[in-house]
Each structure stands twice: as C-alpha cells, then as structure tokens.
N, C-alpha and C. Protein backbone atom coordinates (compact mmCIF):
# COMPACT_ATOMS: atom_id res chain seq x y z
N MET A 1 11.09 -19.71 -12.74
CA MET A 1 10.08 -18.83 -12.82
C MET A 1 10.66 -18.15 -11.59
N PRO A 2 10.59 -16.88 -11.83
CA PRO A 2 11.04 -15.72 -10.35
C PRO A 2 9.97 -15.91 -9.22
N PRO A 3 10.04 -15.35 -8.50
CA PRO A 3 9.34 -14.76 -7.19
C PRO A 3 8.33 -14.37 -7.61
N LEU A 4 6.61 -14.76 -7.26
CA LEU A 4 5.63 -13.64 -7.39
C LEU A 4 5.51 -12.34 -6.71
N VAL A 5 5.43 -11.07 -7.41
CA VAL A 5 5.12 -10.32 -6.64
C VAL A 5 3.72 -9.68 -7.16
N SER A 6 2.93 -10.04 -5.59
CA SER A 6 1.65 -8.58 -5.42
C SER A 6 1.89 -7.27 -5.64
N GLY A 7 1.16 -6.09 -5.73
CA GLY A 7 0.91 -5.11 -5.02
C GLY A 7 -0.53 -4.86 -4.65
N ILE A 8 -0.86 -4.30 -3.32
CA ILE A 8 -1.75 -4.54 -2.88
C ILE A 8 -2.39 -2.94 -2.64
N VAL A 9 -3.32 -2.71 -2.49
CA VAL A 9 -3.52 -1.29 -2.60
C VAL A 9 -5.05 -1.36 -1.56
N LEU A 10 -4.32 -0.14 -0.62
CA LEU A 10 -5.54 -0.25 1.03
C LEU A 10 -6.51 0.61 0.44
N ALA A 11 -8.05 0.62 0.24
CA ALA A 11 -8.48 1.61 -0.59
C ALA A 11 -9.81 1.89 0.13
N GLY A 12 -9.92 0.91 1.09
CA GLY A 12 -11.25 0.65 2.15
C GLY A 12 -11.49 1.72 2.93
N GLY A 13 -10.70 3.15 3.01
CA GLY A 13 -11.36 3.87 4.20
C GLY A 13 -12.39 4.21 3.37
N ARG A 14 -13.10 5.88 4.70
CA ARG A 14 -14.49 6.57 4.70
C ARG A 14 -14.06 7.50 3.59
N SER A 15 -12.93 7.86 3.44
CA SER A 15 -12.44 9.49 3.06
C SER A 15 -13.52 10.83 3.45
N THR A 16 -13.08 10.29 5.08
CA THR A 16 -13.66 11.37 6.01
C THR A 16 -13.73 12.78 5.53
N ARG A 17 -12.29 12.75 5.85
CA ARG A 17 -11.84 14.32 5.85
C ARG A 17 -11.83 14.66 4.34
N PHE A 18 -12.04 14.06 3.11
CA PHE A 18 -12.08 14.73 1.95
C PHE A 18 -13.84 15.13 1.69
N GLY A 19 -14.70 14.36 2.16
CA GLY A 19 -15.68 14.78 2.72
C GLY A 19 -16.76 13.85 1.17
N SER A 20 -16.40 13.31 -0.06
CA SER A 20 -17.22 12.53 -0.42
C SER A 20 -15.65 11.30 -0.79
N ASP A 21 -16.44 10.54 -1.80
CA ASP A 21 -15.63 9.02 -2.45
C ASP A 21 -14.19 9.78 -2.98
N LYS A 22 -13.31 10.19 -2.82
CA LYS A 22 -11.76 10.34 -2.94
C LYS A 22 -11.21 9.94 -4.19
N LEU A 23 -11.66 8.44 -3.74
CA LEU A 23 -10.85 7.41 -5.06
C LEU A 23 -11.76 7.88 -6.09
N VAL A 24 -12.80 8.17 -6.28
CA VAL A 24 -13.27 8.62 -8.12
C VAL A 24 -13.14 9.77 -7.99
N ALA A 25 -12.24 10.73 -7.64
CA ALA A 25 -12.59 12.14 -7.50
C ALA A 25 -11.55 12.23 -8.64
N PRO A 26 -11.53 12.98 -9.57
CA PRO A 26 -10.42 13.12 -10.82
C PRO A 26 -8.99 13.70 -10.23
N TYR A 27 -8.48 13.00 -10.30
CA TYR A 27 -6.65 13.52 -10.14
C TYR A 27 -5.75 13.77 -11.87
N ALA A 28 -5.60 15.08 -11.99
CA ALA A 28 -5.40 14.87 -13.61
C ALA A 28 -5.97 14.29 -14.72
N GLY A 29 -7.16 14.57 -14.24
CA GLY A 29 -7.95 13.82 -15.50
C GLY A 29 -8.54 12.29 -15.58
N ARG A 30 -8.07 11.75 -14.49
CA ARG A 30 -8.23 10.92 -13.76
C ARG A 30 -9.26 10.08 -12.76
N PRO A 31 -9.40 8.89 -12.12
CA PRO A 31 -9.85 8.61 -11.27
C PRO A 31 -9.13 8.42 -9.96
N LEU A 32 -8.62 9.06 -9.16
CA LEU A 32 -7.67 9.15 -8.32
C LEU A 32 -6.67 7.47 -7.86
N VAL A 33 -7.94 6.39 -7.53
CA VAL A 33 -8.20 4.72 -7.43
C VAL A 33 -6.86 4.89 -9.07
N HIS A 34 -7.04 4.77 -9.77
CA HIS A 34 -6.84 4.32 -11.06
C HIS A 34 -5.49 4.39 -10.86
N LEU A 35 -4.71 5.57 -10.46
CA LEU A 35 -3.11 6.12 -10.67
C LEU A 35 -2.18 5.20 -10.02
N PRO A 36 -2.17 4.89 -8.30
CA PRO A 36 -1.40 3.95 -7.89
C PRO A 36 -1.52 2.23 -8.51
N ILE A 37 -3.41 2.12 -8.64
CA ILE A 37 -3.08 0.63 -9.36
C ILE A 37 -2.06 0.34 -10.80
N GLU A 38 -2.19 1.86 -11.65
CA GLU A 38 -1.38 1.49 -12.73
C GLU A 38 -0.50 1.44 -12.43
N VAL A 39 0.75 2.18 -11.86
CA VAL A 39 1.56 1.95 -11.20
C VAL A 39 2.12 0.76 -10.95
N LEU A 40 1.25 -0.25 -9.64
CA LEU A 40 1.89 -1.37 -9.28
C LEU A 40 1.60 -2.49 -10.37
N ALA A 41 0.84 -2.18 -11.67
CA ALA A 41 1.09 -3.27 -12.42
C ALA A 41 1.76 -3.13 -13.57
N GLY A 42 2.15 -2.14 -13.28
CA GLY A 42 3.58 -1.98 -13.91
C GLY A 42 4.83 -2.66 -13.58
N ILE A 43 4.69 -3.29 -12.47
CA ILE A 43 5.91 -3.98 -11.26
C ILE A 43 5.42 -5.23 -10.92
N CYS A 44 4.48 -5.19 -10.80
CA CYS A 44 3.58 -5.93 -9.96
C CYS A 44 2.96 -7.39 -10.87
N ASP A 45 3.02 -8.69 -10.40
CA ASP A 45 2.59 -9.84 -11.37
C ASP A 45 0.73 -9.77 -11.19
N GLU A 46 0.12 -9.07 -9.99
CA GLU A 46 -0.88 -9.49 -9.25
C GLU A 46 -1.03 -7.40 -8.75
N VAL A 47 -2.39 -7.08 -9.11
CA VAL A 47 -3.19 -5.93 -8.19
C VAL A 47 -3.56 -6.19 -7.56
N VAL A 48 -4.24 -6.23 -6.40
CA VAL A 48 -5.05 -6.25 -5.28
C VAL A 48 -5.86 -5.31 -4.96
N VAL A 49 -6.78 -4.97 -4.96
CA VAL A 49 -7.18 -3.49 -4.27
C VAL A 49 -8.23 -3.74 -2.89
N VAL A 50 -8.09 -3.85 -2.03
CA VAL A 50 -8.61 -3.78 -0.68
C VAL A 50 -9.97 -2.71 -0.67
N LEU A 51 -11.20 -2.72 -0.35
CA LEU A 51 -12.36 -1.96 -0.71
C LEU A 51 -12.30 -1.60 0.61
N ALA A 52 -13.94 -1.49 1.14
CA ALA A 52 -15.17 -1.87 1.75
C ALA A 52 -15.83 -2.84 1.95
N PRO A 53 -16.29 -2.94 3.07
CA PRO A 53 -17.39 -4.56 2.95
C PRO A 53 -18.51 -3.59 2.08
N GLY A 54 -18.60 -5.35 1.00
CA GLY A 54 -19.53 -4.85 0.18
C GLY A 54 -19.69 -3.98 -1.13
N ASP A 55 -17.81 -3.68 -1.19
CA ASP A 55 -17.84 -3.09 -2.54
C ASP A 55 -17.84 -3.94 -3.56
N ASP A 56 -17.57 -3.76 -4.77
CA ASP A 56 -17.59 -4.87 -5.68
C ASP A 56 -16.43 -4.34 -6.89
N GLY A 57 -16.17 -2.91 -6.45
CA GLY A 57 -14.90 -2.58 -7.20
C GLY A 57 -16.01 -2.43 -8.47
N ALA A 58 -16.82 -1.76 -8.87
CA ALA A 58 -17.19 -2.06 -9.93
C ALA A 58 -16.60 -0.23 -10.76
N ARG A 59 -15.89 0.28 -10.01
CA ARG A 59 -15.21 1.47 -10.66
C ARG A 59 -13.28 1.11 -11.03
N LEU A 60 -13.33 0.50 -10.80
CA LEU A 60 -11.85 -0.14 -10.65
C LEU A 60 -11.43 -0.25 -12.53
N PRO A 61 -10.13 -0.30 -12.70
CA PRO A 61 -10.35 -1.00 -13.92
C PRO A 61 -9.95 -2.12 -13.97
N THR A 62 -10.15 -3.07 -14.99
CA THR A 62 -10.04 -4.40 -15.59
C THR A 62 -9.09 -5.39 -15.13
N GLY A 63 -8.87 -6.48 -15.07
CA GLY A 63 -7.64 -7.05 -14.33
C GLY A 63 -7.35 -7.06 -13.13
N VAL A 64 -7.75 -6.37 -12.11
CA VAL A 64 -7.71 -6.27 -10.49
C VAL A 64 -8.43 -6.96 -9.71
N THR A 65 -7.50 -7.85 -8.47
CA THR A 65 -8.51 -9.10 -7.85
C THR A 65 -8.40 -8.40 -7.17
N VAL A 66 -9.99 -7.54 -6.36
CA VAL A 66 -10.50 -7.28 -5.21
C VAL A 66 -10.97 -8.26 -4.12
N ALA A 67 -10.22 -7.68 -3.23
CA ALA A 67 -10.59 -8.37 -2.00
C ALA A 67 -11.59 -7.13 -0.87
N ASN A 68 -12.20 -7.81 0.16
CA ASN A 68 -12.76 -6.61 1.24
C ASN A 68 -12.75 -6.76 2.18
N ASP A 69 -12.21 -5.54 3.14
CA ASP A 69 -12.32 -5.36 4.83
C ASP A 69 -13.69 -6.42 5.11
N PRO A 70 -13.54 -7.00 6.38
CA PRO A 70 -13.74 -7.56 6.77
C PRO A 70 -15.81 -7.29 7.21
N THR A 71 -15.42 -6.46 7.89
CA THR A 71 -16.14 -5.54 8.75
C THR A 71 -15.74 -4.03 8.38
N GLU A 72 -16.57 -2.68 8.79
CA GLU A 72 -16.68 -1.69 8.60
C GLU A 72 -15.49 -0.53 9.24
N GLY A 73 -15.03 0.38 9.12
CA GLY A 73 -14.32 0.78 10.54
C GLY A 73 -12.95 -0.11 10.90
N GLU A 74 -12.51 -1.00 10.83
CA GLU A 74 -11.74 -1.90 11.24
C GLU A 74 -9.92 -1.27 11.57
N GLY A 75 -9.54 -0.27 10.56
CA GLY A 75 -8.77 0.18 10.05
C GLY A 75 -7.80 -0.68 9.19
N PRO A 76 -6.27 0.02 9.04
CA PRO A 76 -5.71 -0.39 7.55
C PRO A 76 -5.54 -1.43 7.98
N LEU A 77 -4.72 -2.19 9.40
CA LEU A 77 -4.29 -2.72 9.21
C LEU A 77 -5.23 -4.37 9.00
N ALA A 78 -6.50 -4.54 8.89
CA ALA A 78 -7.42 -5.35 9.23
C ALA A 78 -7.48 -4.78 7.62
N GLY A 79 -7.30 -4.76 6.71
CA GLY A 79 -7.65 -3.94 5.19
C GLY A 79 -5.92 -5.11 4.58
N LEU A 80 -5.10 -4.72 5.06
CA LEU A 80 -3.70 -5.26 4.80
C LEU A 80 -3.10 -6.39 5.24
N HIS A 81 -4.52 -7.22 6.12
CA HIS A 81 -4.30 -8.74 6.46
C HIS A 81 -5.30 -8.92 5.28
N ALA A 82 -6.40 -8.61 4.81
CA ALA A 82 -7.63 -9.01 4.19
C ALA A 82 -6.60 -8.90 2.16
N GLY A 83 -5.93 -7.87 2.11
CA GLY A 83 -5.14 -7.82 0.72
C GLY A 83 -3.85 -9.01 0.63
N LEU A 84 -3.36 -9.32 2.02
CA LEU A 84 -2.33 -10.33 2.45
C LEU A 84 -2.96 -11.72 2.12
N MET A 85 -4.49 -11.95 2.72
CA MET A 85 -4.79 -13.17 1.92
C MET A 85 -5.22 -13.59 1.04
N SER A 86 -5.69 -12.80 0.09
CA SER A 86 -6.06 -12.75 -1.56
C SER A 86 -4.83 -12.71 -1.74
N ALA A 87 -3.19 -12.87 -1.32
CA ALA A 87 -2.46 -12.39 -2.01
C ALA A 87 -0.97 -13.87 -1.77
N VAL A 88 -1.30 -14.73 -1.44
CA VAL A 88 -0.84 -15.64 -0.82
C VAL A 88 -0.08 -16.55 -1.78
N ARG A 89 -0.48 -16.29 -3.42
CA ARG A 89 0.65 -17.28 -3.62
C ARG A 89 2.45 -16.80 -4.28
N SER A 90 2.05 -15.33 -3.74
CA SER A 90 3.41 -14.59 -3.61
C SER A 90 4.39 -14.21 -2.42
N GLU A 91 5.56 -13.97 -3.62
CA GLU A 91 6.64 -14.13 -1.87
C GLU A 91 6.37 -12.78 -1.34
N SER A 92 6.45 -12.09 -1.86
CA SER A 92 6.17 -10.48 -1.32
C SER A 92 5.23 -9.78 -2.20
N VAL A 93 4.70 -8.66 -1.50
CA VAL A 93 3.70 -7.44 -1.80
C VAL A 93 4.36 -5.70 -1.16
N VAL A 94 4.03 -5.26 -2.49
CA VAL A 94 4.23 -3.56 -2.69
C VAL A 94 2.89 -3.46 -2.37
N VAL A 95 2.77 -2.70 -0.96
CA VAL A 95 1.95 -1.74 -0.33
C VAL A 95 1.42 -0.62 -0.63
N VAL A 96 0.76 0.05 -1.18
CA VAL A 96 0.55 1.53 -1.24
C VAL A 96 -1.29 1.90 -0.75
N GLY A 97 -1.14 3.08 -0.68
CA GLY A 97 -2.59 3.75 -0.21
C GLY A 97 -2.90 4.15 -1.32
N GLY A 98 -4.64 3.88 -1.74
CA GLY A 98 -5.75 4.20 -2.57
C GLY A 98 -5.49 5.79 -3.47
N ASP A 99 -4.87 6.22 -2.19
CA ASP A 99 -5.14 8.05 -2.69
C ASP A 99 -3.42 8.27 -2.18
N MET A 100 -2.73 7.69 -2.99
CA MET A 100 -1.30 7.52 -3.39
C MET A 100 -1.17 8.40 -4.81
N PRO A 101 -1.24 8.84 -5.55
CA PRO A 101 -1.06 8.62 -7.26
C PRO A 101 0.25 9.48 -7.46
N GLU A 102 1.26 9.42 -7.06
CA GLU A 102 2.22 10.31 -7.34
C GLU A 102 3.40 8.82 -7.11
N LEU A 103 3.22 7.88 -7.16
CA LEU A 103 4.18 6.80 -6.96
C LEU A 103 5.03 6.58 -7.52
N GLN A 104 6.05 6.59 -7.15
CA GLN A 104 7.39 6.10 -8.19
C GLN A 104 8.01 5.43 -8.30
N PRO A 105 8.08 4.43 -9.58
CA PRO A 105 8.35 3.30 -10.26
C PRO A 105 9.44 2.53 -9.54
N ALA A 106 10.47 3.62 -9.19
CA ALA A 106 12.02 2.82 -9.42
C ALA A 106 12.13 3.45 -7.81
N VAL A 107 11.36 4.26 -6.73
CA VAL A 107 11.48 3.48 -5.41
C VAL A 107 11.22 2.91 -5.15
N LEU A 108 9.70 1.97 -5.30
CA LEU A 108 9.33 0.86 -4.84
C LEU A 108 10.17 -0.20 -5.62
N LEU A 109 10.72 0.07 -6.36
CA LEU A 109 11.96 -1.33 -6.84
C LEU A 109 13.23 -1.55 -6.67
N GLU A 110 13.38 0.37 -5.86
CA GLU A 110 14.74 0.14 -4.53
C GLU A 110 14.12 -0.74 -3.48
N MET A 111 12.90 -0.61 -3.15
CA MET A 111 12.15 -1.49 -1.95
C MET A 111 11.77 -2.83 -1.93
N LEU A 112 11.86 -3.20 -3.88
CA LEU A 112 11.83 -4.68 -3.59
C LEU A 112 13.11 -5.27 -3.31
N GLN A 113 14.12 -4.13 -3.86
CA GLN A 113 15.49 -4.90 -4.23
C GLN A 113 16.33 -5.23 -2.28
N VAL A 114 15.94 -4.05 -2.19
CA VAL A 114 16.34 -4.26 -0.15
C VAL A 114 15.83 -6.03 0.43
N LEU A 115 14.23 -6.45 0.47
CA LEU A 115 13.60 -6.85 0.50
C LEU A 115 14.50 -8.18 0.63
N ALA A 116 14.92 -8.30 -0.86
CA ALA A 116 15.69 -9.37 -1.74
C ALA A 116 16.57 -10.42 -0.28
N SER A 117 17.38 -8.94 0.72
CA SER A 117 17.86 -9.67 1.32
C SER A 117 17.30 -11.08 2.74
N PRO A 118 17.92 -11.86 2.68
CA PRO A 118 16.79 -13.03 3.62
C PRO A 118 16.91 -12.08 4.57
N ASP A 119 17.65 -11.65 5.63
CA ASP A 119 16.95 -11.37 6.92
C ASP A 119 16.21 -10.52 6.67
N ILE A 120 15.42 -9.55 5.88
CA ILE A 120 14.85 -8.34 6.12
C ILE A 120 13.51 -8.78 6.25
N GLU A 121 12.01 -8.88 6.85
CA GLU A 121 10.63 -9.17 6.35
C GLU A 121 10.18 -7.89 5.65
N ALA A 122 10.38 -6.55 6.17
CA ALA A 122 9.88 -5.32 5.59
C ALA A 122 11.04 -4.28 4.73
N VAL A 123 9.95 -3.33 4.50
CA VAL A 123 10.82 -2.43 3.79
C VAL A 123 10.01 -0.99 3.86
N ALA A 124 10.55 0.11 4.61
CA ALA A 124 9.82 1.21 4.66
C ALA A 124 11.08 2.19 4.21
N LEU A 125 10.46 3.32 4.15
CA LEU A 125 10.72 5.21 3.67
C LEU A 125 11.07 6.04 4.88
N ALA A 126 13.00 5.95 4.82
CA ALA A 126 12.26 7.25 5.90
C ALA A 126 11.91 8.90 5.76
N ASP A 127 11.13 8.86 6.17
CA ASP A 127 10.91 10.52 6.72
C ASP A 127 10.92 11.30 7.29
N GLY A 128 12.16 12.07 7.25
CA GLY A 128 12.51 12.48 8.67
C GLY A 128 13.06 11.86 9.55
N ASP A 129 12.51 11.84 11.17
CA ASP A 129 12.96 10.37 12.25
C ASP A 129 11.76 9.79 11.82
N ARG A 130 11.37 9.48 11.49
CA ARG A 130 10.72 8.51 11.34
C ARG A 130 10.35 7.61 9.75
N ALA A 131 9.86 6.55 9.77
CA ALA A 131 9.85 5.40 8.68
C ALA A 131 8.10 5.74 8.09
N ARG A 132 8.03 5.83 7.41
CA ARG A 132 6.08 6.15 6.63
C ARG A 132 5.86 4.52 6.29
N PRO A 133 4.43 4.44 7.21
CA PRO A 133 4.20 2.78 7.26
C PRO A 133 3.72 2.83 5.37
N LEU A 134 3.52 3.91 5.00
CA LEU A 134 3.35 3.24 3.57
C LEU A 134 3.96 4.53 2.47
N PRO A 135 4.07 3.83 0.86
CA PRO A 135 4.50 2.77 0.99
C PRO A 135 5.38 1.97 1.57
N CYS A 136 5.17 0.38 1.77
CA CYS A 136 5.65 -0.32 2.04
C CYS A 136 5.86 -1.69 1.36
N VAL A 137 7.12 -2.82 1.69
CA VAL A 137 7.32 -3.60 0.66
C VAL A 137 7.19 -4.71 2.02
N LEU A 138 6.88 -6.57 2.12
CA LEU A 138 6.39 -7.08 3.17
C LEU A 138 6.88 -8.65 2.44
N ARG A 139 7.47 -9.62 3.11
CA ARG A 139 7.44 -10.74 2.99
C ARG A 139 5.88 -11.34 3.46
N THR A 140 5.28 -11.90 1.93
CA THR A 140 3.71 -12.16 2.53
C THR A 140 3.65 -12.16 3.82
N TRP A 141 4.24 -13.68 4.18
CA TRP A 141 3.68 -15.16 5.36
C TRP A 141 4.19 -14.55 6.21
N PRO A 142 5.37 -14.18 6.68
CA PRO A 142 5.74 -13.16 8.11
C PRO A 142 4.54 -12.26 7.82
N ALA A 143 4.19 -11.19 7.51
CA ALA A 143 3.38 -10.55 7.18
C ALA A 143 2.33 -10.57 7.59
N ALA A 144 1.74 -11.98 7.12
CA ALA A 144 0.24 -12.32 6.91
C ALA A 144 -0.52 -13.22 8.68
N ASP A 145 0.91 -13.71 8.90
CA ASP A 145 0.67 -14.12 10.19
C ASP A 145 1.36 -12.85 11.61
N MET A 146 2.12 -11.81 11.15
CA MET A 146 1.85 -10.37 12.43
C MET A 146 0.53 -10.03 12.57
N THR A 147 0.06 -9.62 11.33
CA THR A 147 -1.40 -9.12 11.26
C THR A 147 -2.15 -9.92 11.55
N HIS A 148 -2.53 -10.54 11.42
CA HIS A 148 -3.26 -11.47 12.10
C HIS A 148 -2.96 -11.43 13.89
N THR A 149 -2.16 -11.66 14.64
CA THR A 149 -1.50 -11.70 15.68
C THR A 149 -2.05 -10.06 16.08
N LEU A 150 -1.64 -9.35 15.39
CA LEU A 150 -2.15 -7.54 16.08
C LEU A 150 -2.92 -7.84 16.13
N LEU A 151 -3.62 -8.02 14.93
CA LEU A 151 -5.25 -8.14 15.01
C LEU A 151 -5.83 -8.25 16.17
N HIS A 152 -5.65 -9.38 16.97
CA HIS A 152 -5.90 -10.45 17.50
C HIS A 152 -5.73 -9.80 19.12
N ALA A 153 -4.38 -9.37 18.84
CA ALA A 153 -4.14 -8.37 20.19
C ALA A 153 -4.78 -6.77 20.20
N GLY A 154 -5.93 -6.73 19.34
CA GLY A 154 -7.10 -5.03 19.32
C GLY A 154 -5.72 -4.00 18.68
N ARG A 155 -4.65 -4.62 17.92
CA ARG A 155 -4.15 -3.14 17.38
C ARG A 155 -4.52 -2.94 15.67
N ARG A 156 -4.41 -2.05 15.58
CA ARG A 156 -4.85 -1.71 13.98
C ARG A 156 -3.62 -0.76 12.98
N ARG A 157 -3.08 -0.02 13.75
CA ARG A 157 -1.94 0.97 12.98
C ARG A 157 -0.93 -0.14 11.94
N LEU A 158 -1.23 0.76 10.85
CA LEU A 158 0.27 -0.08 9.85
C LEU A 158 1.37 -0.22 10.58
N ARG A 159 1.83 0.78 11.58
CA ARG A 159 3.11 0.77 11.35
C ARG A 159 3.18 -0.04 12.65
N ASP A 160 2.38 -0.96 13.64
CA ASP A 160 2.59 -1.88 14.20
C ASP A 160 3.37 -3.34 13.52
N VAL A 161 2.75 -3.12 12.26
CA VAL A 161 3.15 -4.37 11.59
C VAL A 161 4.96 -4.31 11.23
N LEU A 162 4.75 -2.64 10.84
CA LEU A 162 6.33 -2.51 11.06
C LEU A 162 7.46 -2.49 12.06
N ASP A 163 6.71 -2.23 12.96
CA ASP A 163 7.64 -1.98 14.71
C ASP A 163 8.22 -3.98 14.60
N ALA A 164 6.85 -4.62 14.19
CA ALA A 164 6.80 -6.00 14.88
C ALA A 164 7.53 -7.11 13.85
N LEU A 165 8.19 -6.31 12.74
CA LEU A 165 8.78 -8.12 11.51
C LEU A 165 10.25 -6.75 11.88
N ARG A 166 11.23 -7.50 11.01
CA ARG A 166 12.17 -7.01 10.57
C ARG A 166 12.03 -6.07 9.58
N THR A 167 12.40 -4.96 9.90
CA THR A 167 11.98 -3.58 8.65
C THR A 167 13.60 -3.36 8.80
N ALA A 168 13.45 -2.92 7.67
CA ALA A 168 14.45 -1.81 6.98
C ALA A 168 14.20 -1.07 6.42
N VAL A 169 14.43 0.11 6.85
CA VAL A 169 14.02 1.91 6.70
C VAL A 169 15.32 2.45 5.77
N ILE A 170 14.65 2.79 3.98
CA ILE A 170 15.73 3.31 3.54
C ILE A 170 15.57 4.39 3.92
N ASP A 171 16.67 5.26 3.78
CA ASP A 171 17.54 6.54 4.19
C ASP A 171 16.83 7.33 2.89
N GLU A 172 16.29 8.82 3.67
CA GLU A 172 16.05 9.59 2.67
C GLU A 172 16.83 10.09 1.52
N GLN A 173 18.30 9.91 1.73
CA GLN A 173 19.29 10.71 0.64
C GLN A 173 19.14 9.41 -0.35
N THR A 174 18.92 7.64 0.10
CA THR A 174 19.01 7.31 -0.80
C THR A 174 18.10 6.88 -1.57
N TRP A 175 17.00 7.24 -1.26
CA TRP A 175 15.47 7.21 -1.90
C TRP A 175 15.21 8.15 -2.24
N THR A 176 15.35 9.57 -2.17
CA THR A 176 15.21 11.18 -2.56
C THR A 176 15.99 11.47 -3.83
N ALA A 177 16.98 10.51 -4.28
CA ALA A 177 18.20 10.22 -5.16
C ALA A 177 17.08 10.16 -6.77
N LEU A 178 16.25 9.21 -6.23
CA LEU A 178 15.67 8.16 -7.31
C LEU A 178 14.32 8.92 -7.78
N ASP A 179 14.00 10.15 -6.68
CA ASP A 179 12.46 10.66 -6.56
C ASP A 179 12.94 11.29 -6.04
N PRO A 180 13.61 12.99 -6.41
CA PRO A 180 13.70 14.21 -5.88
C PRO A 180 12.94 15.42 -5.41
N GLU A 181 11.38 15.04 -6.01
CA GLU A 181 10.97 15.99 -5.39
C GLU A 181 9.12 15.06 -4.56
N ARG A 182 10.28 13.93 -3.87
CA ARG A 182 9.17 13.01 -3.11
C ARG A 182 8.29 12.92 -3.86
N ARG A 183 7.58 12.48 -4.55
CA ARG A 183 6.35 12.69 -4.64
C ARG A 183 5.97 10.83 -4.98
N THR A 184 6.41 10.10 -4.71
CA THR A 184 6.23 8.60 -3.57
C THR A 184 5.52 9.35 -2.46
N LEU A 185 5.86 10.11 -1.26
CA LEU A 185 4.42 10.41 -0.33
C LEU A 185 3.53 10.93 -0.59
N THR A 186 3.17 11.57 -1.93
CA THR A 186 1.75 12.26 -1.72
C THR A 186 0.82 11.66 -1.90
N ASP A 187 -0.09 12.09 -0.85
CA ASP A 187 -1.48 11.32 -0.47
C ASP A 187 -2.49 12.41 -0.36
N VAL A 188 -3.70 12.21 -0.64
CA VAL A 188 -4.73 13.09 -0.83
C VAL A 188 -5.78 13.09 0.30
N ASP A 189 -5.24 13.72 1.26
CA ASP A 189 -6.93 13.57 2.24
C ASP A 189 -7.73 14.35 1.91
N GLN A 190 -7.71 15.55 1.34
CA GLN A 190 -8.93 17.26 1.03
C GLN A 190 -8.95 17.11 0.16
N PRO A 191 -9.79 18.28 -0.28
CA PRO A 191 -10.08 18.52 -1.34
C PRO A 191 -8.87 19.47 -2.02
N GLY A 192 -8.08 19.83 -1.35
CA GLY A 192 -7.10 21.23 -1.43
C GLY A 192 -5.61 20.15 -1.78
N ASP A 193 -5.84 18.53 -1.28
CA ASP A 193 -4.43 18.32 -2.16
C ASP A 193 -4.79 18.13 -3.16
N MET A 194 -5.46 17.90 -4.02
CA MET A 194 -5.91 17.57 -5.70
C MET A 194 -5.13 18.74 -5.67
N PRO A 195 -4.70 18.23 -7.39
CA PRO A 195 -3.97 19.33 -8.14
C PRO A 195 -4.88 20.46 -8.58
N GLY A 196 -4.10 21.53 -8.76
CA GLY A 196 -5.59 22.52 -9.07
C GLY A 196 -5.74 22.69 -11.00
C-alpha cells in the first residue's frame, strides 16, 4: 500500500476583512470553501477541514473530516495542529487555506514529489524573495511535534513551522511552469477578490 496522504483545509478564521462568512460566499457559483476541498479530494486519501470552535461543518460537502480549533482566535498554527492531530494515519499532509479557490493539482503533486526526499520535512512555494506559507506540504509527525513545541512557546504563525522544519522551497520558475497564471496562490481576503 502506498503511504496515505491527507489534505488539511484551514477554515477557522473569522473573515474579519471580508465582513461576513467568506467560506460560504459564492465563488464562480459555488461556496468558496468547497473549491479547495474538491482539489484536495482529487489527490489525497482524506480531507480534514479545520473550523472554528463549535462549528459542526454542516455547510461542508459530505465525506470530509471536521476538526475544530481548540479555542477562538489562537491563529493558524493552532488550526494546523488540530488538523495534524486528525490526520495521524497519514505520512504526509497537503495544507491549504479555505479561501484558496484556484489551487492547481499539478503544483500540489509536484510539492508531494519533492517531499519524497527522505531529508525533507516540508515543502513550500517561492513567491518573490520569500516562501509562501500556504499551500505547503508537510511530513505529518515532525510537523505535529514542531507545531506543539511552537504553540507552547507562544508562536502562532504558519511561517514559524516552515522555518523550524527542514523545508525545501520550490523556485518560481519550476512551479509556474505548471501554473503559468500563478492561480495556486490566489486567496480571497475581501469581497473585491471575488470574480466579477
């Protein structure tokens, strides 16, 4: 059996800049959060969606696993930890935002291919002179251990876990050959980011 791969969709944010629950806002006629879920469902063995505390995920498609942030407002690193704890059967995880509707499977599969190197614990995409924290691909157990350590140290940013793990960054020339319009990095922060 090939190793299991889980997808984690981080969807526990408060949509402050958007002004309402952006995850149910229609994007190209579909609820925004459904789009990254469907991409991950096509390349992963399971999909875990991390929601705010108490959210039962009633608006989500069937077949996903719901995890919840432990407390409100703890930040994305706490959401990642909750997702990792729900994906413990998997050797690796693909992590995306619930507001990323244009993810390209070819890019995510390339990231998984890079993670196959035994000395790599995380993979990110170069964007200019930085690595983007999402999407990322992680080895489940090293990432779970590190997020636990970082949270206890008061850290809250996704970038912190990438800085702490042995992270490979795929250069722009390589990943944009698979996604020339850079659609994989599209995210929705405010209503103006929705298609017209």
